[in-house]
Protein backbone atom coordinates (compact mmCIF):
# COMPACT_ATOMS: atom_id res chain seq x y z
CA UNK A 1 128.27 130.33 81.46
CA UNK A 2 131.95 129.61 82.12
CA UNK A 3 132.40 129.64 85.94
CA UNK A 4 130.20 132.82 86.46
CA UNK A 5 130.40 132.52 90.27
CA UNK A 6 134.06 131.58 90.65
CA UNK A 7 135.25 134.80 92.23
CA UNK A 8 132.45 134.76 94.87
CA UNK A 9 132.36 133.31 98.34
CA UNK A 10 129.75 130.65 99.34
CA UNK A 11 127.34 133.26 100.82
CA UNK A 12 127.39 135.49 97.75
CA UNK A 13 126.89 132.33 95.51
CA UNK A 14 123.80 131.39 97.49
CA UNK A 15 122.26 134.87 96.80
CA UNK A 16 122.91 134.67 93.10
CA UNK A 17 122.08 131.06 92.36
CA UNK A 18 118.26 131.58 92.58
CA UNK A 19 118.43 134.28 89.86
CA UNK A 20 120.23 131.83 87.57
CA UNK A 21 117.64 129.27 88.25
CA UNK A 22 114.81 131.66 87.47
CA UNK A 23 116.61 132.76 84.29
CA UNK A 24 116.84 129.12 83.08
CA UNK A 25 113.11 128.63 83.80
CA UNK A 26 112.09 131.93 82.08
CA UNK A 27 114.01 131.47 78.81
CA UNK A 28 113.52 127.74 78.61
CA UNK A 29 116.52 127.10 76.48
CA UNK A 30 119.57 124.91 77.05
CA UNK A 31 122.33 126.44 79.23
CA UNK A 32 125.85 125.30 79.37
CA UNK A 33 127.22 125.96 82.89
CA UNK A 34 130.89 125.27 83.72
CA UNK A 35 132.03 125.18 87.38
CA UNK A 36 134.58 123.53 89.59
CA UNK A 37 132.04 123.62 92.46
CA UNK A 38 130.15 120.35 92.54
CA UNK A 39 127.51 121.81 94.89
CA UNK A 40 126.46 124.09 91.96
CA UNK A 41 126.18 121.16 89.60
CA UNK A 42 124.14 119.14 92.18
CA UNK A 43 121.78 122.05 92.44
CA UNK A 44 121.44 122.79 88.62
CA UNK A 45 121.96 119.60 86.65
CA UNK A 46 120.11 116.51 85.63
CA UNK A 47 122.77 115.18 83.24
CA UNK A 48 126.48 115.08 83.79
CA UNK A 49 129.44 114.73 81.49
CA UNK A 50 132.85 114.04 83.14
CA UNK A 51 135.87 115.24 81.13
CA UNK A 52 139.59 114.86 81.67
CA UNK A 53 142.24 116.50 79.55
CA UNK A 54 139.50 117.80 77.25
CA UNK A 55 138.07 114.33 76.52
CA UNK A 56 134.74 113.03 77.75
CA UNK A 57 135.26 110.02 80.00
CA UNK A 58 131.70 109.42 81.25
CA UNK A 59 128.24 110.79 80.53
CA UNK A 60 124.74 110.03 81.87
CA UNK A 61 122.09 111.16 84.31
CA UNK A 62 123.63 112.95 87.31
CA UNK A 63 122.11 110.50 89.86
CA UNK A 64 123.55 107.51 88.00
CA UNK A 65 127.05 108.88 87.84
CA UNK A 66 126.96 109.97 91.55
CA UNK A 67 126.08 106.38 92.58
CA UNK A 68 128.52 104.54 90.27
CA UNK A 69 131.25 103.09 92.51
CA UNK A 70 133.62 102.91 89.62
CA UNK A 71 133.56 106.69 89.21
CA UNK A 72 135.33 109.40 91.35
CA UNK A 73 132.20 111.08 92.59
CA UNK A 74 131.35 108.16 94.85
CA UNK A 75 134.81 108.13 96.33
CA UNK A 76 135.07 111.84 96.90
CA UNK A 77 135.12 113.28 100.49
CA UNK A 78 131.95 115.27 99.56
CA UNK A 79 130.16 112.28 97.96
CA UNK A 80 126.40 112.84 97.84
CA UNK A 81 123.34 112.02 95.65
CA UNK A 82 120.82 114.42 94.06
CA UNK A 83 117.28 113.24 94.14
CA UNK A 84 114.10 114.80 92.54
CA UNK A 85 111.31 114.12 94.99
CA UNK A 86 107.63 114.81 94.69
CA UNK A 87 105.79 116.72 97.39
CA UNK A 88 103.22 114.29 98.86
CA UNK A 89 101.81 116.50 101.67
CA UNK A 90 102.58 118.42 104.79
CA UNK A 91 102.39 117.64 108.55
CA UNK A 92 101.44 121.07 109.95
CA UNK A 93 101.62 119.92 113.53
CA UNK A 94 105.32 119.27 113.35
CA UNK A 95 106.32 121.38 110.36
CA UNK A 96 107.36 118.53 108.30
CA UNK A 97 107.23 118.33 104.48
CA UNK A 98 106.30 114.87 103.04
CA UNK A 99 108.44 113.88 100.03
CA UNK A 100 108.30 110.85 98.01
CA UNK A 101 111.02 109.11 96.00
CA UNK A 102 111.05 105.56 94.55
CA UNK A 103 111.11 103.30 97.55
CA UNK A 104 110.72 105.78 100.33
CA UNK A 105 108.70 108.61 101.86
CA UNK A 106 110.88 111.25 103.56
CA UNK A 107 109.98 113.72 106.26
CA UNK A 108 111.99 117.02 106.14
CA UNK A 109 111.57 120.07 108.27
CA UNK A 110 110.43 122.83 105.78
CA UNK A 111 107.71 125.23 104.89
CA UNK A 112 104.64 123.76 103.08
CA UNK A 113 104.74 123.31 99.29
CA UNK A 114 102.15 122.56 96.59
CA UNK A 115 101.34 118.80 96.53
CA UNK A 116 102.78 117.24 93.38
CA UNK A 117 105.55 119.86 93.00
CA UNK A 118 109.09 118.62 92.30
CA UNK A 119 111.78 119.38 94.83
CA UNK A 120 115.47 118.53 94.71
CA UNK A 121 117.08 116.71 97.59
CA UNK A 122 120.75 116.38 98.51
CA UNK A 123 121.76 113.49 100.63
CA UNK A 124 125.44 113.25 101.68
CA UNK A 125 127.02 109.98 102.05
CA UNK A 126 128.38 111.00 105.47
CA UNK A 127 124.84 111.59 106.57
CA UNK A 128 123.70 108.00 105.97
CA UNK A 129 124.26 105.18 108.47
CA UNK A 130 123.38 101.55 108.27
CA UNK A 131 121.81 99.01 110.65
CA UNK A 132 121.25 95.35 110.49
CA UNK A 133 117.99 95.57 112.31
CA UNK A 134 115.26 98.18 112.35
CA UNK A 135 115.85 100.67 115.24
CA UNK A 136 113.29 100.38 117.99
CA UNK A 137 113.53 104.01 119.16
CA UNK A 138 115.51 106.80 117.49
CA UNK A 139 115.42 110.54 116.82
CA UNK A 140 116.24 109.91 113.17
CA UNK A 141 113.03 110.43 111.14
CA UNK A 142 113.99 108.76 107.94
CA UNK A 143 114.77 105.05 108.29
CA UNK A 144 114.17 102.76 105.44
CA UNK A 145 114.76 99.13 104.40
CA UNK A 146 117.46 98.93 101.78
CA UNK A 147 119.78 96.47 100.01
CA UNK A 148 123.56 96.85 99.63
CA UNK A 149 124.22 97.03 95.90
CA UNK A 150 127.96 97.70 96.11
CA UNK A 151 130.74 98.49 98.49
CA UNK A 152 133.71 100.70 97.71
CA UNK A 153 136.81 100.58 100.00
CA UNK A 154 138.29 104.09 100.59
CA UNK A 155 141.85 103.57 101.75
CA UNK A 156 142.50 101.49 104.86
CA UNK A 157 139.81 103.10 107.04
CA UNK A 158 136.52 103.75 105.26
CA UNK A 159 133.90 102.16 103.00
CA UNK A 160 131.29 103.72 100.76
CA UNK A 161 128.11 101.62 100.26
CA UNK A 162 125.58 102.08 97.36
CA UNK A 163 122.22 101.33 98.85
CA UNK A 164 118.96 100.78 96.96
CA UNK A 165 115.92 101.70 99.09
CA UNK A 166 112.95 99.54 99.41
CA UNK A 167 112.21 96.02 100.76
CA UNK A 168 113.27 94.44 97.42
CA UNK A 169 116.17 96.86 96.82
CA UNK A 170 114.49 98.28 93.74
CA UNK A 171 114.05 101.89 94.78
CA UNK A 172 116.16 104.94 94.58
CA UNK A 173 119.94 104.54 95.18
CA UNK A 174 121.83 106.52 97.78
CA UNK A 175 125.30 106.48 99.25
CA UNK A 176 126.44 105.60 102.81
CA UNK A 177 129.94 106.31 104.23
CA UNK A 178 131.16 104.47 107.18
CA UNK A 179 134.34 103.19 108.89
CA UNK A 180 135.79 99.84 107.79
CA UNK A 181 135.67 98.84 111.52
CA UNK A 182 131.80 99.36 111.30
CA UNK A 183 131.49 97.52 108.03
CA UNK A 184 133.47 94.41 109.41
CA UNK A 185 131.69 94.51 112.83
CA UNK A 186 128.33 94.34 111.13
CA UNK A 187 129.54 91.71 108.77
CA UNK A 188 128.12 93.62 105.87
CA UNK A 189 128.37 92.40 102.24
CA UNK A 190 127.02 93.16 98.89
CA UNK A 191 123.36 92.01 98.37
CA UNK A 192 122.61 92.09 102.12
CA UNK A 193 119.29 93.64 103.26
CA UNK A 194 119.87 96.37 105.86
CA UNK A 195 118.20 99.58 107.18
CA UNK A 196 119.35 102.93 105.89
CA UNK A 197 119.27 105.85 108.40
CA UNK A 198 119.24 109.31 106.90
CA UNK A 199 120.55 111.56 109.47
CA UNK A 200 120.42 114.70 107.28
CA UNK A 201 118.58 115.68 104.09
CA UNK A 202 119.19 119.04 102.39
CA UNK A 203 116.34 120.58 100.50
CA UNK A 204 117.25 122.69 97.41
CA UNK A 205 115.09 124.21 94.63
CA UNK A 206 114.86 122.03 91.49
CA UNK A 207 115.04 123.82 88.08
CA UNK A 208 112.72 122.95 85.27
CA UNK A 209 113.06 121.97 82.53
CA UNK A 210 115.94 119.46 83.18
CA UNK A 211 119.49 120.63 82.93
CA UNK A 212 122.48 119.06 81.34
CA UNK A 213 125.80 118.94 83.31
CA UNK A 214 129.42 118.39 82.27
CA UNK A 215 132.43 117.73 84.51
CA UNK A 216 136.11 117.90 83.90
CA UNK A 217 139.14 117.00 85.89
CA UNK A 218 142.33 118.91 85.60
CA UNK A 219 145.61 119.46 87.61
CA UNK A 220 147.58 117.24 89.83
CA UNK A 221 144.78 116.69 92.25
CA UNK A 222 142.27 115.95 89.45
CA UNK A 223 140.11 118.89 90.56
CA UNK A 224 136.73 118.51 89.16
CA UNK A 225 135.24 120.96 86.85
CA UNK A 226 131.59 120.63 86.00
CA UNK A 227 129.29 122.14 83.48
CA UNK A 228 125.43 122.06 83.56
CA UNK A 229 123.39 122.69 80.50
């Protein structure tokens, strides 16, 4: 499928994407999906191949490449991670779905799903903030101990952090985007234990079986083209 949704706007894409997901699940065969829209790749793929000038430059699990500070995905304005979580229950009183990933249990406003089902999450770097101490009172539902694994300067004004969830920093890795002023004011550094505050978590359907994805960069602005298979 070579950019099958390219002529469509975001709303129309949202209507058609579920049909493509169900097609993949029904036929249960590999699908090569090429797109310049990283949001489509984040929804479909489990494996990513980055290409430039027709040559493969990187390949690996989608999440690993998203959180690699040496690659362009972590440095992009739309940087995010895709996580496959397991449904752990439902809080009917507050309408919160309980989802488990390595090192954390997330609460997400959503309809109930079957316990044990797999669900894909998207966490944007811009939706994650960092605190040196656990907040005593906050409206943010998802706050977890984490460890700074790496920091990536973005120009003169911003920094992207790679955070590993869990008290020992051995859990799932996510990204956090902050100003350099905040980074310096908190005296943050690699290896430091902090608290990650997830201000937003997007819930998207996960496709099964796993998908493979490939990404290419072309043009003066190295626009990213991706393919999921």
